[in-house]
Amino acid sequence: MDALDIDDRLGARIRALRAERGLTLDALSAAAEVSRAMLSRIERGESSPTAQLLNRICGGLGVTLSALFAAAEAAGRPLVRRAEQQVWRDPGSGYVRRNVSPPGTGSAAELAEIELPPGACVGFENRRVAGTDQHVWALDGALEVELGSDAYRLESGDCLFMRFDRPVLFRNPTRRPVRYAVVISHGAVRP
């Protein structure tokens, strides 16, 4: 799947979610704090949005970035081969996101593999998405995570649990790429 195809599919999915929620371009623009013109270009597949921009749009729609990508994929089957997994590169940070979970299964969990280039960072505002949690599991390399005012350094094998309720910044402080998995759970039960 090429970048143009994914931009078209993401734009169509954002437009469909906006329509499902009865939001005008102006209403989503205000809720997401994204200009109407930029939102319109994204919906038409004419712009390759950054991860931060997509996250703001997702916040305005009340969905996670992972859910947006999963929904943009074709409905499917229980097995998705690596070669068939959707890959998206953030044009701003070089962050590469591979949606590992088979799309269209209706599962409450989603799995993504992320690669963050040396020295790169990517941040998300993380507006509250009710009942949604995430685990970040460092697979290879070191990853620094700022979660609100808390800071963590993850080494290979470490796992950090977080809720979507505070801004988060992922940073690769090393000279080689870091790979980590993100497991997102929808409908999490809270104590």
Protein backbone atom coordinates (compact mmCIF):
# COMPACT_ATOMS: atom_id res chain seq x y z
CA MET A 1 0.00 0.00 0.00
CA ASP A 2 1.56 3.32 -1.01
CA ALA A 3 1.45 6.63 0.85
CA LEU A 4 -1.14 8.13 -1.52
CA ASP A 5 -3.48 5.19 -0.97
CA ILE A 6 -3.18 5.41 2.81
CA ASP A 7 -3.73 9.19 2.76
CA ASP A 8 -6.90 8.67 0.70
CA ARG A 9 -8.15 5.92 3.04
CA LEU A 10 -7.40 7.93 6.20
CA GLY A 11 -9.12 10.98 4.73
CA ALA A 12 -12.19 8.94 3.82
CA ARG A 13 -12.28 7.40 7.30
CA ILE A 14 -12.01 10.79 9.01
CA ARG A 15 -14.80 12.15 6.79
CA ALA A 16 -16.99 9.11 7.58
CA LEU A 17 -16.39 9.40 11.34
CA ARG A 18 -17.16 13.11 11.21
CA ALA A 19 -20.42 12.40 9.37
CA GLU A 20 -21.37 9.59 11.81
CA ARG A 21 -21.01 12.07 14.65
CA GLY A 22 -22.99 14.75 12.84
CA LEU A 23 -20.03 17.14 12.87
CA THR A 24 -19.44 19.82 10.27
CA LEU A 25 -15.91 20.61 9.11
CA ASP A 26 -16.09 23.73 11.28
CA ALA A 27 -17.20 21.77 14.37
CA LEU A 28 -14.44 19.16 14.02
CA SER A 29 -11.93 21.89 13.24
CA ALA A 30 -12.80 23.62 16.53
CA ALA A 31 -12.86 20.38 18.56
CA ALA A 32 -9.54 19.18 17.15
CA GLU A 33 -7.90 22.61 17.04
CA VAL A 34 -6.98 22.05 13.38
CA SER A 35 -7.70 24.61 10.69
CA ARG A 36 -10.73 23.95 8.53
CA ALA A 37 -8.58 24.20 5.38
CA MET A 38 -6.09 21.60 6.65
CA LEU A 39 -8.88 19.28 7.76
CA SER A 40 -10.51 19.56 4.34
CA ARG A 41 -7.19 18.75 2.57
CA ILE A 42 -6.70 15.71 4.83
CA GLU A 43 -10.24 14.45 4.18
CA ARG A 44 -9.64 14.74 0.42
CA GLY A 45 -6.35 12.82 0.71
CA GLU A 46 -4.40 15.87 -0.46
CA SER A 47 -2.23 16.16 2.64
CA SER A 48 0.00 13.70 4.50
CA PRO A 49 -0.72 14.61 8.13
CA THR A 50 1.81 14.19 10.91
CA ALA A 51 1.19 11.88 13.85
CA GLN A 52 0.53 14.88 16.11
CA LEU A 53 -2.03 16.31 13.70
CA LEU A 54 -3.82 12.96 13.31
CA ASN A 55 -3.87 12.60 17.08
CA ARG A 56 -5.58 15.99 17.44
CA ILE A 57 -8.18 14.99 14.85
CA CYS A 58 -8.73 11.69 16.68
CA GLY A 59 -9.22 13.64 19.91
CA GLY A 60 -11.87 15.75 18.22
CA LEU A 61 -13.59 12.59 17.00
CA GLY A 62 -13.22 10.70 20.30
CA VAL A 63 -11.18 7.81 18.85
CA THR A 64 -7.59 6.66 19.24
CA LEU A 65 -4.97 6.91 16.52
CA SER A 66 -4.81 3.13 16.51
CA ALA A 67 -8.57 2.87 15.99
CA LEU A 68 -8.39 5.35 13.13
CA PHE A 69 -5.74 3.27 11.35
CA ALA A 70 -7.51 -0.01 12.04
CA ALA A 71 -10.78 1.35 10.72
CA ALA A 72 -9.06 2.64 7.58
CA GLU A 73 -8.02 -0.91 6.70
CA ALA A 74 -10.26 -3.30 4.84
CA ALA A 75 -12.42 -5.61 6.92
CA GLY A 76 -10.73 -8.89 7.17
CA ARG A 77 -9.87 -12.27 8.35
CA PRO A 78 -8.18 -13.64 11.48
CA LEU A 79 -4.68 -13.74 9.93
CA VAL A 80 -2.74 -10.88 8.39
CA ARG A 81 0.74 -11.59 7.04
CA ARG A 82 3.55 -9.11 7.70
CA ALA A 83 3.69 -8.19 4.01
CA GLU A 84 -0.04 -7.27 4.16
CA GLN A 85 0.14 -5.13 7.31
CA GLN A 86 -0.52 -1.45 6.84
CA VAL A 87 2.57 0.72 7.35
CA TRP A 88 2.46 4.48 7.82
CA ARG A 89 5.38 6.92 8.13
CA ASP A 90 4.96 10.22 9.96
CA PRO A 91 6.35 12.85 7.59
CA GLY A 92 7.37 15.01 10.57
CA SER A 93 9.38 12.68 12.80
CA GLY A 94 10.08 9.66 10.59
CA TYR A 95 8.11 7.52 13.09
CA VAL A 96 6.97 4.32 11.35
CA ARG A 97 3.79 2.59 12.51
CA ARG A 98 2.92 -0.96 11.44
CA ASN A 99 -0.60 -2.12 12.30
CA VAL A 100 0.04 -5.73 13.31
CA SER A 101 -3.49 -6.76 14.35
CA PRO A 102 -5.73 -8.28 11.71
CA PRO A 103 -8.28 -5.59 10.78
CA GLY A 104 -12.00 -6.01 11.04
CA THR A 105 -12.03 -8.70 13.72
CA GLY A 106 -13.97 -6.70 16.30
CA SER A 107 -11.31 -7.40 18.93
CA ALA A 108 -11.10 -5.03 21.89
CA ALA A 109 -7.28 -5.05 21.57
CA GLU A 110 -5.06 -3.61 18.87
CA LEU A 111 -1.36 -4.22 18.35
CA ALA A 112 1.05 -1.92 16.51
CA GLU A 113 4.80 -2.04 16.02
CA ILE A 114 6.58 1.31 16.05
CA GLU A 115 10.06 2.26 14.89
CA LEU A 116 11.42 5.61 15.98
CA PRO A 117 14.56 6.85 14.20
CA PRO A 118 17.71 7.84 16.13
CA GLY A 119 17.27 11.14 17.97
CA ALA A 120 13.62 11.48 16.90
CA CYS A 121 10.65 12.28 19.10
CA VAL A 122 6.91 12.30 18.60
CA GLY A 123 4.31 13.68 20.98
CA PHE A 124 0.59 13.26 21.41
CA GLU A 125 -1.83 15.43 23.38
CA ASN A 126 -3.93 12.38 24.34
CA ARG A 127 -7.34 13.71 25.08
CA ARG A 128 -9.29 11.31 27.24
CA VAL A 129 -10.75 8.36 25.40
CA ALA A 130 -13.04 6.57 27.84
CA GLY A 131 -12.21 2.93 28.54
CA THR A 132 -9.01 2.94 26.49
CA ASP A 133 -5.60 1.99 27.87
CA GLN A 134 -2.28 1.19 26.29
CA HIS A 135 0.84 -0.80 27.04
CA VAL A 136 4.16 0.25 25.49
CA TRP A 137 6.63 -2.64 25.27
CA ALA A 138 10.24 -1.85 24.28
CA LEU A 139 11.36 -4.54 21.83
CA ASP A 140 14.79 -3.31 20.73
CA GLY A 141 16.73 -0.30 21.99
CA ALA A 142 16.01 2.42 24.52
CA LEU A 143 12.94 4.65 24.61
CA GLU A 144 12.25 7.67 26.78
CA VAL A 145 8.60 8.36 27.55
CA GLU A 146 7.28 11.55 29.13
CA LEU A 147 3.75 10.97 30.38
CA GLY A 148 2.46 14.28 31.68
CA SER A 149 4.98 15.25 34.35
CA ASP A 150 6.28 11.67 34.77
CA ALA A 151 9.35 10.45 32.88
CA TYR A 152 10.35 6.86 32.14
CA ARG A 153 13.22 5.20 30.33
CA LEU A 154 12.38 1.84 28.81
CA GLU A 155 15.07 -0.65 27.82
CA SER A 156 14.51 -3.79 25.72
CA GLY A 157 11.86 -5.93 27.40
CA ASP A 158 10.44 -3.17 29.64
CA CYS A 159 6.70 -2.45 29.50
CA LEU A 160 4.88 0.74 30.52
CA PHE A 161 1.11 0.91 31.13
CA MET A 162 -0.67 4.20 30.49
CA ARG A 163 -4.12 5.65 30.07
CA PHE A 164 -5.11 8.15 27.41
CA ASP A 165 -5.46 11.03 29.81
CA ARG A 166 -2.22 13.03 29.66
CA PRO A 167 0.11 14.32 26.97
CA VAL A 168 2.79 11.80 26.04
CA LEU A 169 6.15 12.23 24.30
CA PHE A 170 8.16 9.32 22.90
CA ARG A 171 11.87 10.03 22.37
CA ASN A 172 14.70 7.92 21.02
CA PRO A 173 17.82 9.22 22.81
CA THR A 174 20.17 6.82 21.00
CA ARG A 175 22.01 6.66 17.69
CA ARG A 176 20.08 3.66 16.41
CA PRO A 177 16.39 3.04 15.75
CA VAL A 178 14.22 1.89 18.64
CA ARG A 179 11.40 -0.60 18.09
CA TYR A 180 8.48 -0.91 20.45
CA ALA A 181 5.05 -2.46 20.47
CA VAL A 182 1.90 -0.64 21.47
CA VAL A 183 -1.04 -2.70 22.70
CA ILE A 184 -4.26 -0.71 22.94
CA SER A 185 -7.23 -2.08 24.84
CA HIS A 186 -10.71 -0.66 24.27
CA GLY A 187 -13.37 -1.15 26.90
CA ALA A 188 -10.89 -1.59 29.73
CA VAL A 189 -12.40 -2.17 33.16
CA ARG A 190 -11.20 0.38 35.70
CA PRO A 191 -10.98 -0.11 39.47
